[in-house]
C-alpha atoms as a PDB file:
ATOM      1  CA  MET A   1      52.113  27.033  50.501  1.00  0.00           C
ATOM      2  CA  LYS A   2      49.602  29.727  48.954  1.00  0.00           C
ATOM      3  CA  ASN A   3      52.018  29.622  46.079  1.00  0.00           C
ATOM      4  CA  LYS A   4      51.761  26.007  45.838  1.00  0.00           C
ATOM      5  CA  VAL A   5      47.972  25.690  45.819  1.00  0.00           C
ATOM      6  CA  ILE A   6      47.484  28.457  43.361  1.00  0.00           C
ATOM      7  CA  THR A   7      50.463  26.685  41.060  1.00  0.00           C
ATOM      8  CA  GLY A   8      48.596  23.492  41.274  1.00  0.00           C
ATOM      9  CA  LEU A   9      45.178  24.817  40.366  1.00  0.00           C
ATOM     10  CA  LEU A  10      46.785  26.592  37.497  1.00  0.00           C
ATOM     11  CA  GLY A  11      48.214  23.482  36.335  1.00  0.00           C
ATOM     12  CA  PHE A  12      44.689  21.644  36.617  1.00  0.00           C
ATOM     13  CA  LEU A  13      43.128  24.200  34.646  1.00  0.00           C
ATOM     14  CA  VAL A  14      45.949  23.983  31.783  1.00  0.00           C
ATOM     15  CA  VAL A  15      45.354  20.349  31.665  1.00  0.00           C
ATOM     16  CA  LEU A  16      41.264  20.748  31.932  1.00  0.00           C
ATOM     17  CA  GLY A  17      41.709  23.079  28.982  1.00  0.00           C
ATOM     18  CA  MET A  18      43.593  20.458  26.857  1.00  0.00           C
ATOM     19  CA  ALA A  19      40.910  17.782  27.467  1.00  0.00           C
ATOM     20  CA  THR A  20      37.953  20.072  26.622  1.00  0.00           C
ATOM     21  CA  PRO A  21      38.313  19.139  22.720  1.00  0.00           C
ATOM     22  CA  ALA A  22      37.741  15.290  23.567  1.00  0.00           C
ATOM     23  CA  LEU A  23      34.347  16.525  24.600  1.00  0.00           C
ATOM     24  CA  ALA A  24      33.474  18.211  21.185  1.00  0.00           C
ATOM     25  CA  ASP A  25      30.209  16.652  19.511  1.00  0.00           C
ATOM     26  CA  GLU A  26      32.442  15.902  16.389  1.00  0.00           C
ATOM     27  CA  VAL A  27      34.546  12.722  15.536  1.00  0.00           C
ATOM     28  CA  LYS A  28      37.276  12.379  13.179  1.00  0.00           C
ATOM     29  CA  ASP A  29      37.056   9.506  10.962  1.00  0.00           C
ATOM     30  CA  ALA A  30      39.913   8.830   8.700  1.00  0.00           C
ATOM     31  CA  GLY A  31      41.725  12.087   6.605  1.00  0.00           C
ATOM     32  CA  ASN A  32      39.540  15.081   6.727  1.00  0.00           C
ATOM     33  CA  VAL A  33      36.227  13.307   7.621  1.00  0.00           C
ATOM     34  CA  TYR A  34      34.441  14.467  10.929  1.00  0.00           C
ATOM     35  CA  HIS A  35      31.183  13.015  12.012  1.00  0.00           C
ATOM     36  CA  ASN A  36      29.539  15.761  13.900  1.00  0.00           C
ATOM     37  CA  GLU A  37      27.081  14.028  16.367  1.00  0.00           C
ATOM     38  CA  LYS A  38      25.256  17.245  17.620  1.00  0.00           C
ATOM     39  CA  ASN A  39      23.938  18.067  13.884  1.00  0.00           C
ATOM     40  CA  GLN A  40      24.044  14.344  12.738  1.00  0.00           C
ATOM     41  CA  THR A  41      26.049  15.245   9.833  1.00  0.00           C
ATOM     42  CA  ILE A  42      29.340  14.459   8.321  1.00  0.00           C
ATOM     43  CA  GLU A  43      31.812  16.811   7.152  1.00  0.00           C
ATOM     44  CA  LEU A  44      34.346  16.431   4.218  1.00  0.00           C
ATOM     45  CA  ARG A  45      37.091  19.043   5.020  1.00  0.00           C
ATOM     46  CA  GLY A  46      39.452  19.979   2.513  1.00  0.00           C
ATOM     47  CA  GLU A  47      42.005  22.552   1.692  1.00  0.00           C
ATOM     48  CA  ASP A  48      44.206  24.108  -0.996  1.00  0.00           C
ATOM     49  CA  PRO A  49      46.411  20.942  -1.648  1.00  0.00           C
ATOM     50  CA  VAL A  50      50.029  21.152  -2.057  1.00  0.00           C
ATOM     51  CA  VAL A  51      51.482  21.232  -5.672  1.00  0.00           C
ATOM     52  CA  GLY A  52      51.312  17.837  -7.040  1.00  0.00           C
ATOM     53  CA  THR A  53      49.048  16.318  -4.661  1.00  0.00           C
ATOM     54  CA  ASN A  54      45.230  15.790  -4.688  1.00  0.00           C
ATOM     55  CA  ASP A  55      42.754  17.043  -1.542  1.00  0.00           C
ATOM     56  CA  SER A  56      39.968  14.470  -2.086  1.00  0.00           C
ATOM     57  CA  GLN A  57      37.524  13.290   0.775  1.00  0.00           C
ATOM     58  CA  THR A  58      34.963  10.411   0.595  1.00  0.00           C
ATOM     59  CA  SER A  59      32.155   9.356   3.044  1.00  0.00           C
ATOM     60  CA  THR A  60      28.570   7.937   2.504  1.00  0.00           C
ATOM     61  CA  THR A  61      25.192   8.626   3.972  1.00  0.00           C
ATOM     62  CA  GLN A  62      22.945   5.828   4.813  1.00  0.00           C
ATOM     63  CA  LEU A  63      19.245   5.828   3.536  1.00  0.00           C
ATOM     64  CA  THR A  64      16.110   3.957   5.075  1.00  0.00           C
ATOM     65  CA  THR A  65      12.827   4.113   4.102  1.00  0.00           C
ATOM     66  CA  ASP A  66       9.580   3.934   6.138  1.00  0.00           C
ATOM     67  CA  ASN A  67       7.810   0.669   5.916  1.00  0.00           C
ATOM     68  CA  ALA A  68       5.817   0.447   2.940  1.00  0.00           C
ATOM     69  CA  ASN A  69       2.547  -0.704   3.600  1.00  0.00           C
ATOM     70  CA  SER A  70       0.352  -3.039   1.869  1.00  0.00           C
ATOM     71  CA  HIS A  71      -1.906  -1.449  -0.834  1.00  0.00           C
ATOM     72  CA  TYR A  72      -4.369  -2.848  -3.275  1.00  0.00           C
ATOM     73  CA  MET A  73      -7.213  -1.726  -5.662  1.00  0.00           C
ATOM     74  CA  VAL A  74     -10.130  -3.666  -6.708  1.00  0.00           C
ATOM     75  CA  SER A  75     -12.043  -2.759  -9.828  1.00  0.00           C
ATOM     76  CA  ILE A  76     -15.577  -3.436 -10.547  1.00  0.00           C
ATOM     77  CA  PRO A  77     -18.205  -2.425 -13.287  1.00  0.00           C
ATOM     78  CA  ALA A  78     -20.223   1.000 -12.418  1.00  0.00           C
ATOM     79  CA  ALA A  79     -23.084   0.022 -13.819  1.00  0.00           C
ATOM     80  CA  ALA A  80     -24.514  -2.087 -16.548  1.00  0.00           C
ATOM     81  CA  ARG A  81     -27.435  -2.574 -18.559  1.00  0.00           C
ATOM     82  CA  ILE A  82     -29.084  -6.086 -19.202  1.00  0.00           C
ATOM     83  CA  GLN A  83     -31.510  -6.708 -22.221  1.00  0.00           C
ATOM     84  CA  PHE A  84     -34.656  -8.308 -21.957  1.00  0.00           C
ATOM     85  CA  ASN A  85     -34.573 -12.239 -22.151  1.00  0.00           C
ATOM     86  CA  ALA A  86     -30.799 -12.341 -21.720  1.00  0.00           C
ATOM     87  CA  VAL A  87     -30.214 -15.584 -19.391  1.00  0.00           C
ATOM     88  CA  ASP A  88     -26.151 -14.580 -18.978  1.00  0.00           C
ATOM     89  CA  THR A  89     -25.004 -11.008 -19.357  1.00  0.00           C
ATOM     90  CA  LEU A  90     -21.097 -10.166 -19.281  1.00  0.00           C
ATOM     91  CA  ILE A  91     -21.230  -7.215 -17.197  1.00  0.00           C
ATOM     92  CA  GLY A  92     -17.249  -6.765 -16.930  1.00  0.00           C
ATOM     93  CA  ASN A  93     -14.539  -7.897 -14.627  1.00  0.00           C
ATOM     94  CA  LEU A  94     -13.713  -8.095 -10.960  1.00  0.00           C
ATOM     95  CA  GLN A  95      -9.991  -7.178 -10.600  1.00  0.00           C
ATOM     96  CA  ILE A  96      -7.697  -7.168  -7.634  1.00  0.00           C
ATOM     97  CA  THR A  97      -4.270  -5.502  -8.185  1.00  0.00           C
ATOM     98  CA  GLY A  98      -1.550  -4.065  -5.627  1.00  0.00           C
ATOM     99  CA  ASN A  99       1.617  -4.767  -3.685  1.00  0.00           C
ATOM    100  CA  ILE A 100       0.729  -6.478  -0.593  1.00  0.00           C
ATOM    101  CA  LYS A 101       3.022  -8.422   2.019  1.00  0.00           C
ATOM    102  CA  ASP A 102       3.737 -12.222   1.203  1.00  0.00           C
ATOM    103  CA  SER A 103       1.513 -13.064   4.399  1.00  0.00           C
ATOM    104  CA  LYS A 104      -1.551 -11.311   3.339  1.00  0.00           C
ATOM    105  CA  ASN A 105      -4.446 -11.817   0.927  1.00  0.00           C
ATOM    106  CA  VAL A 106      -6.907  -9.897  -0.819  1.00  0.00           C
ATOM    107  CA  TYR A 107     -10.523 -10.973  -0.075  1.00  0.00           C
ATOM    108  CA  VAL A 108     -13.567  -9.793  -1.983  1.00  0.00           C
ATOM    109  CA  THR A 109     -17.097 -11.077  -1.221  1.00  0.00           C
ATOM    110  CA  VAL A 110     -19.592 -10.666  -3.950  1.00  0.00           C
ATOM    111  CA  ASN A 111     -23.312 -10.233  -2.671  1.00  0.00           C
ATOM    112  CA  GLY A 112     -26.371  -9.696  -4.625  1.00  0.00           C
ATOM    113  CA  GLY A 113     -28.438 -10.259  -1.410  1.00  0.00           C
ATOM    114  CA  ASN A 114     -27.719 -13.656   0.339  1.00  0.00           C
ATOM    115  CA  GLY A 115     -25.463 -14.608  -2.710  1.00  0.00           C
ATOM    116  CA  ASN A 116     -28.302 -14.413  -4.991  1.00  0.00           C
ATOM    117  CA  GLY A 117     -29.764 -11.018  -6.215  1.00  0.00           C
ATOM    118  CA  SER A 118     -33.154  -9.821  -6.693  1.00  0.00           C
ATOM    119  CA  PHE A 119     -34.119  -7.196  -9.098  1.00  0.00           C
ATOM    120  CA  THR A 120     -37.239  -4.989  -8.027  1.00  0.00           C
ATOM    121  CA  ASN A 121     -39.420  -3.387 -10.747  1.00  0.00           C
ATOM    122  CA  LYS A 122     -38.965   0.444 -10.430  1.00  0.00           C
ATOM    123  CA  THR A 123     -42.779   1.281 -10.828  1.00  0.00           C
ATOM    124  CA  ASP A 124     -44.139  -1.973  -8.771  1.00  0.00           C
ATOM    125  CA  ASN A 125     -42.083  -2.535  -5.666  1.00  0.00           C
ATOM    126  CA  ASN A 126     -43.892  -5.865  -5.252  1.00  0.00           C
ATOM    127  CA  SER A 127     -42.451  -7.581  -8.505  1.00  0.00           C
ATOM    128  CA  HIS A 128     -39.319  -8.890  -8.173  1.00  0.00           C
ATOM    129  CA  MET A 129     -36.771 -11.161 -10.389  1.00  0.00           C
ATOM    130  CA  ALA A 130     -34.054 -13.348  -8.961  1.00  0.00           C
ATOM    131  CA  TYR A 131     -30.626 -13.360 -10.289  1.00  0.00           C
ATOM    132  CA  ASN A 132     -27.248 -15.063  -9.659  1.00  0.00           C
ATOM    133  CA  VAL A 133     -23.736 -13.498 -10.070  1.00  0.00           C
ATOM    134  CA  THR A 134     -21.338 -16.149 -11.958  1.00  0.00           C
ATOM    135  CA  ALA A 135     -17.917 -16.099 -13.284  1.00  0.00           C
ATOM    136  CA  THR A 136     -18.957 -17.886 -16.361  1.00  0.00           C
ATOM    137  CA  ALA A 137     -21.976 -18.139 -18.552  1.00  0.00           C
ATOM    138  CA  ASN A 138     -24.506 -20.410 -16.886  1.00  0.00           C
ATOM    139  CA  GLY A 139     -21.883 -20.850 -14.003  1.00  0.00           C
ATOM    140  CA  ALA A 140     -21.775 -21.661 -10.138  1.00  0.00           C
ATOM    141  CA  LEU A 141     -22.440 -19.024  -8.262  1.00  0.00           C
ATOM    142  CA  LEU A 142     -19.609 -16.341  -7.341  1.00  0.00           C
ATOM    143  CA  THR A 143     -19.733 -15.493  -3.988  1.00  0.00           C
ATOM    144  CA  ASN A 144     -15.825 -15.059  -2.844  1.00  0.00           C
ATOM    145  CA  PHE A 145     -12.714 -13.766  -4.944  1.00  0.00           C
ATOM    146  CA  THR A 146      -8.991 -13.948  -3.455  1.00  0.00           C
ATOM    147  CA  ALA A 147      -5.785 -12.935  -4.805  1.00  0.00           C
ATOM    148  CA  ASN A 148      -2.327 -13.559  -3.006  1.00  0.00           C
ATOM    149  CA  SER A 149       0.763 -11.129  -3.274  1.00  0.00           C
ATOM    150  CA  ALA A 150       2.188 -12.736  -6.158  1.00  0.00           C
ATOM    151  CA  GLU A 151      -1.388 -12.730  -7.944  1.00  0.00           C
ATOM    152  CA  ALA A 152      -2.149  -8.993  -6.809  1.00  0.00           C
ATOM    153  CA  LYS A 153       1.242  -7.707  -8.211  1.00  0.00           C
ATOM    154  CA  THR A 154       0.216  -9.095 -11.770  1.00  0.00           C
ATOM    155  CA  GLY A 155      -3.363  -8.265 -11.493  1.00  0.00           C
ATOM    156  CA  LYS A 156      -6.054 -11.212 -10.981  1.00  0.00           C
ATOM    157  CA  GLN A 157      -9.291 -10.752 -12.455  1.00  0.00           C
ATOM    158  CA  THR A 158     -12.549 -13.000 -13.145  1.00  0.00           C
ATOM    159  CA  PRO A 159     -15.222 -12.070 -15.577  1.00  0.00           C
ATOM    160  CA  LEU A 160     -18.608 -11.205 -13.907  1.00  0.00           C
ATOM    161  CA  TYR A 161     -22.078 -12.421 -15.284  1.00  0.00           C
ATOM    162  CA  VAL A 162     -25.456 -11.929 -14.392  1.00  0.00           C
ATOM    163  CA  HIS A 163     -27.579 -14.903 -14.772  1.00  0.00           C
ATOM    164  CA  ILE A 164     -31.329 -14.731 -14.855  1.00  0.00           C
ATOM    165  CA  ASP A 165     -33.067 -17.876 -15.455  1.00  0.00           C
ATOM    166  CA  ARG A 166     -35.562 -18.119 -18.321  1.00  0.00           C
ATOM    167  CA  ALA A 167     -38.274 -18.728 -15.826  1.00  0.00           C
ATOM    168  CA  GLN A 168     -37.500 -15.312 -14.041  1.00  0.00           C
ATOM    169  CA  TRP A 169     -38.072 -13.371 -17.357  1.00  0.00           C
ATOM    170  CA  ASP A 170     -41.331 -15.479 -18.238  1.00  0.00           C
ATOM    171  CA  GLN A 171     -43.076 -14.453 -14.763  1.00  0.00           C
ATOM    172  CA  ALA A 172     -41.831 -10.735 -14.815  1.00  0.00           C
ATOM    173  CA  THR A 173     -43.972  -7.772 -14.894  1.00  0.00           C
ATOM    174  CA  ALA A 174     -43.683  -5.475 -17.279  1.00  0.00           C
ATOM    175  CA  GLY A 175     -41.396  -2.601 -16.631  1.00  0.00           C
ATOM    176  CA  GLU A 176     -38.008  -1.848 -15.763  1.00  0.00           C
ATOM    177  CA  TYR A 177     -36.063  -3.784 -12.997  1.00  0.00           C
ATOM    178  CA  GLU A 178     -33.306  -2.715 -10.818  1.00  0.00           C
ATOM    179  CA  GLY A 179     -31.000  -4.377  -8.504  1.00  0.00           C
ATOM    180  CA  HIS A 180     -27.366  -4.203  -6.947  1.00  0.00           C
ATOM    181  CA  ILE A 181     -24.244  -6.284  -6.507  1.00  0.00           C
ATOM    182  CA  THR A 182     -22.478  -5.500  -3.388  1.00  0.00           C
ATOM    183  CA  PHE A 183     -18.563  -6.280  -3.300  1.00  0.00           C
ATOM    184  CA  ASN A 184     -16.478  -5.911   0.013  1.00  0.00           C
ATOM    185  CA  ALA A 185     -12.971  -6.357   0.033  1.00  0.00           C
ATOM    186  CA  THR A 186     -10.662  -7.337   3.084  1.00  0.00           C
ATOM    187  CA  LEU A 187      -7.131  -7.206   3.602  1.00  0.00           C
ATOM    188  CA  LYS A 188      -6.273 -10.453   6.109  1.00  0.00           C
END
């Protein structure tokens, strides 16, 4: 009886030994191509071919990228000089470029102070001169500029003019004036 139990256990161990390769981390594909799940690799195994044969293995690697987020750039003039008595002065361009998702737009607000701007005399803070930011000479007030995905890819731009009415120049106190235009860009 003891011999039968020992023989049975030995037989079981032999069968178990044969099943162990089935628990390995690699799975054989066609030919000599193995997927090693543990190391997440594909192994192309070869050997010296028999004379007159060719030993060649082929497999592929799947590539994916991270999500490419929308990105954009808004270009504006850094500074501009306006000549005395100039009513409309082209100071540069406002340009939007980038790669944004089709469902998004880039919105830029243009603000010299409530849409209109005000120059302040550098030596007399009580002296001001009003101006407007426009897209054309003597044009309508420019407060917003928008670019969609297609426009941003090719680059959308508009000229920037500073319009100062003649009456503002006529009442201006002598001196140099300074003002600012604020641009705020948002992706929505």
